[in-house]
């Protein structure tokens, strides 16, 4: 909603830029998709490495005290 209101203000102030933004926004979104896929892949790889590194501690029963809430 906020983006739409900002676009409406831009339309009133400078309509050619607003029309250009409407035309270019889907193209920019399509160009950014591969970067999002790479970021998702790296996030998954780091989560896997973290799980592998912490597996011995979890098997031995270590529990992180900072994750618990005090009563």
N, C-alpha and C. Protein backbone atom coordinates (compact mmCIF):
# COMPACT_ATOMS: atom_id res chain seq x y z
N UNK A 1 0.83 -1.19 0.00
CA UNK A 1 0.00 0.00 0.00
C UNK A 1 0.88 1.27 0.00
N UNK A 2 1.94 1.20 0.81
CA UNK A 2 2.84 2.34 0.89
C UNK A 2 3.52 2.60 -0.45
N UNK A 3 3.90 1.54 -1.13
CA UNK A 3 4.54 1.69 -2.44
C UNK A 3 3.58 2.30 -3.44
N UNK A 4 2.33 1.87 -3.38
CA UNK A 4 1.33 2.42 -4.30
C UNK A 4 1.11 3.91 -4.04
N UNK A 5 1.06 4.30 -2.78
CA UNK A 5 0.88 5.72 -2.46
C UNK A 5 2.08 6.55 -2.92
N UNK A 6 3.28 6.00 -2.75
CA UNK A 6 4.46 6.71 -3.23
C UNK A 6 4.44 6.84 -4.75
N UNK A 7 3.96 5.78 -5.42
CA UNK A 7 3.88 5.84 -6.87
C UNK A 7 2.83 6.89 -7.31
N UNK A 8 1.73 6.98 -6.59
CA UNK A 8 0.71 7.99 -6.91
C UNK A 8 1.27 9.41 -6.76
N UNK A 9 2.05 9.62 -5.70
CA UNK A 9 2.67 10.94 -5.52
C UNK A 9 3.64 11.21 -6.66
N UNK A 10 4.42 10.20 -7.05
CA UNK A 10 5.33 10.35 -8.17
C UNK A 10 4.57 10.62 -9.46
N UNK A 11 3.42 10.02 -9.62
CA UNK A 11 2.60 10.24 -10.81
C UNK A 11 2.14 11.69 -10.89
N UNK A 12 1.77 12.25 -9.76
CA UNK A 12 1.32 13.64 -9.74
C UNK A 12 2.49 14.59 -9.97
N UNK A 13 3.64 14.29 -9.36
CA UNK A 13 4.78 15.19 -9.43
C UNK A 13 5.48 15.10 -10.79
N UNK A 14 5.73 13.88 -11.25
CA UNK A 14 6.47 13.70 -12.50
C UNK A 14 5.96 12.44 -13.18
N UNK A 15 4.93 12.59 -13.99
CA UNK A 15 4.27 11.43 -14.57
C UNK A 15 5.14 10.63 -15.54
N UNK A 16 6.08 11.22 -16.30
CA UNK A 16 6.90 10.36 -17.16
C UNK A 16 7.77 9.36 -16.38
N UNK A 17 8.30 9.80 -15.26
CA UNK A 17 9.11 8.91 -14.43
C UNK A 17 8.24 7.81 -13.83
N UNK A 18 7.02 8.14 -13.45
CA UNK A 18 6.11 7.14 -12.89
C UNK A 18 5.75 6.08 -13.93
N UNK A 19 5.49 6.49 -15.16
CA UNK A 19 5.18 5.54 -16.22
C UNK A 19 6.40 4.68 -16.53
N UNK A 20 7.58 5.27 -16.54
CA UNK A 20 8.81 4.52 -16.77
C UNK A 20 9.04 3.50 -15.65
N UNK A 21 8.72 3.87 -14.43
CA UNK A 21 8.86 2.95 -13.30
C UNK A 21 7.91 1.77 -13.45
N UNK A 22 6.69 2.03 -13.90
CA UNK A 22 5.72 0.95 -14.10
C UNK A 22 6.20 -0.01 -15.19
N UNK A 23 6.82 0.52 -16.22
CA UNK A 23 7.29 -0.33 -17.33
C UNK A 23 8.54 -1.11 -16.93
N UNK A 24 9.46 -0.48 -16.21
CA UNK A 24 10.73 -1.12 -15.89
C UNK A 24 10.68 -2.05 -14.68
N UNK A 25 9.69 -1.91 -13.80
CA UNK A 25 9.66 -2.70 -12.58
C UNK A 25 9.60 -4.21 -12.84
N UNK A 26 8.76 -4.69 -13.77
CA UNK A 26 8.79 -6.15 -14.03
C UNK A 26 10.11 -6.63 -14.61
N UNK A 27 10.77 -5.82 -15.42
CA UNK A 27 12.07 -6.22 -15.96
C UNK A 27 13.12 -6.32 -14.86
N UNK A 28 13.12 -5.38 -13.96
CA UNK A 28 14.07 -5.40 -12.84
C UNK A 28 13.81 -6.61 -11.95
N UNK A 29 12.52 -6.93 -11.74
CA UNK A 29 12.15 -8.09 -10.94
C UNK A 29 12.65 -9.38 -11.60
N UNK A 30 12.50 -9.48 -12.92
CA UNK A 30 12.97 -10.67 -13.63
C UNK A 30 14.49 -10.80 -13.58
N UNK A 31 15.20 -9.69 -13.67
CA UNK A 31 16.66 -9.73 -13.60
C UNK A 31 17.13 -10.14 -12.20
N UNK A 32 16.39 -9.78 -11.17
CA UNK A 32 16.80 -10.09 -9.81
C UNK A 32 16.50 -11.53 -9.40
N UNK A 33 15.70 -12.26 -10.15
CA UNK A 33 15.36 -13.64 -9.78
C UNK A 33 16.58 -14.56 -9.65
N UNK A 34 17.53 -14.55 -10.60
CA UNK A 34 18.70 -15.43 -10.41
C UNK A 34 19.50 -15.10 -9.15
N UNK A 35 19.59 -13.83 -8.81
CA UNK A 35 20.32 -13.46 -7.59
C UNK A 35 19.61 -13.98 -6.35
N UNK A 36 18.28 -13.97 -6.37
CA UNK A 36 17.52 -14.52 -5.25
C UNK A 36 17.73 -16.02 -5.14
N UNK A 37 17.78 -16.70 -6.28
CA UNK A 37 18.02 -18.15 -6.27
C UNK A 37 19.40 -18.47 -5.71
N UNK A 38 20.41 -17.69 -6.08
CA UNK A 38 21.76 -17.91 -5.56
C UNK A 38 21.78 -17.65 -4.05
N UNK A 39 21.12 -16.61 -3.60
CA UNK A 39 21.07 -16.32 -2.17
C UNK A 39 20.38 -17.44 -1.40
N UNK A 40 19.31 -17.97 -1.95
CA UNK A 40 18.60 -19.08 -1.31
C UNK A 40 19.49 -20.32 -1.24
N UNK A 41 20.24 -20.56 -2.29
CA UNK A 41 21.15 -21.72 -2.32
C UNK A 41 22.25 -21.57 -1.27
N UNK A 42 22.84 -20.39 -1.18
CA UNK A 42 23.87 -20.17 -0.17
C UNK A 42 23.31 -20.30 1.24
N UNK A 43 22.11 -19.83 1.46
CA UNK A 43 21.49 -19.96 2.77
C UNK A 43 21.29 -21.43 3.12
N UNK A 44 20.85 -22.22 2.15
CA UNK A 44 20.67 -23.65 2.39
C UNK A 44 22.00 -24.35 2.64
N UNK A 45 23.03 -23.98 1.90
CA UNK A 45 24.36 -24.59 2.10
C UNK A 45 24.90 -24.27 3.48
N UNK A 46 24.78 -23.01 3.90
CA UNK A 46 25.27 -22.64 5.23
C UNK A 46 24.47 -23.32 6.34
N UNK A 47 23.16 -23.50 6.15
CA UNK A 47 22.36 -24.21 7.14
C UNK A 47 22.78 -25.67 7.22
N UNK A 48 23.08 -26.28 6.08
CA UNK A 48 23.55 -27.67 6.08
C UNK A 48 24.90 -27.80 6.78
N UNK A 49 25.83 -26.90 6.48
CA UNK A 49 27.15 -26.95 7.12
C UNK A 49 27.00 -26.74 8.63
N UNK A 50 26.15 -25.82 9.03
CA UNK A 50 25.94 -25.58 10.47
C UNK A 50 25.35 -26.81 11.14
N UNK A 51 24.38 -27.45 10.48
CA UNK A 51 23.79 -28.65 11.05
C UNK A 51 24.81 -29.78 11.17
N UNK A 52 25.67 -29.91 10.17
CA UNK A 52 26.70 -30.95 10.23
C UNK A 52 27.71 -30.66 11.34
N UNK A 53 28.10 -29.40 11.48
CA UNK A 53 29.08 -29.05 12.51
C UNK A 53 28.52 -29.21 13.92
N UNK A 54 27.25 -28.95 14.12
CA UNK A 54 26.65 -29.05 15.45
C UNK A 54 26.06 -30.42 15.74
N UNK A 55 26.13 -31.35 14.79
CA UNK A 55 25.57 -32.67 15.01
C UNK A 55 26.21 -33.41 16.18
N UNK A 56 27.54 -33.42 16.33
CA UNK A 56 28.11 -34.13 17.49
C UNK A 56 27.62 -33.57 18.83
N UNK A 57 27.49 -32.28 18.92
CA UNK A 57 27.01 -31.68 20.17
C UNK A 57 25.56 -32.06 20.43
N UNK A 58 24.75 -32.12 19.39
CA UNK A 58 23.34 -32.50 19.59
C UNK A 58 23.22 -33.97 19.97
N UNK A 59 24.08 -34.81 19.39
CA UNK A 59 24.05 -36.23 19.72
C UNK A 59 24.46 -36.45 21.18
N UNK A 60 25.42 -35.66 21.65
CA UNK A 60 25.88 -35.79 23.03
C UNK A 60 24.94 -35.11 24.03
N UNK A 61 23.94 -34.40 23.57
CA UNK A 61 22.93 -33.85 24.46
C UNK A 61 23.16 -32.43 24.91
N UNK A 62 24.02 -31.69 24.24
CA UNK A 62 24.25 -30.30 24.62
C UNK A 62 23.02 -29.46 24.29
N UNK A 63 22.64 -28.63 25.24
CA UNK A 63 21.51 -27.72 25.01
C UNK A 63 21.98 -26.30 25.28
N UNK A 64 21.62 -25.39 24.39
CA UNK A 64 22.02 -24.00 24.52
C UNK A 64 21.15 -23.32 25.57
N UNK A 65 21.76 -22.82 26.64
CA UNK A 65 20.99 -22.18 27.72
C UNK A 65 20.45 -20.82 27.30
N UNK A 66 21.09 -20.17 26.33
CA UNK A 66 20.61 -18.85 25.92
C UNK A 66 19.31 -18.95 25.13
N UNK A 67 18.97 -20.10 24.61
CA UNK A 67 17.74 -20.27 23.86
C UNK A 67 16.53 -20.42 24.78
N UNK A 68 16.77 -20.77 26.02
CA UNK A 68 15.66 -20.94 26.97
C UNK A 68 15.24 -19.61 27.56
N UNK A 69 13.96 -19.51 27.80
CA UNK A 69 13.44 -18.29 28.47
C UNK A 69 13.43 -18.51 29.97
N UNK A 70 13.81 -17.48 30.71
CA UNK A 70 13.71 -17.62 32.17
C UNK A 70 12.24 -17.58 32.59
N UNK A 71 11.93 -18.33 33.62
CA UNK A 71 10.54 -18.38 34.11
C UNK A 71 10.18 -17.20 34.90
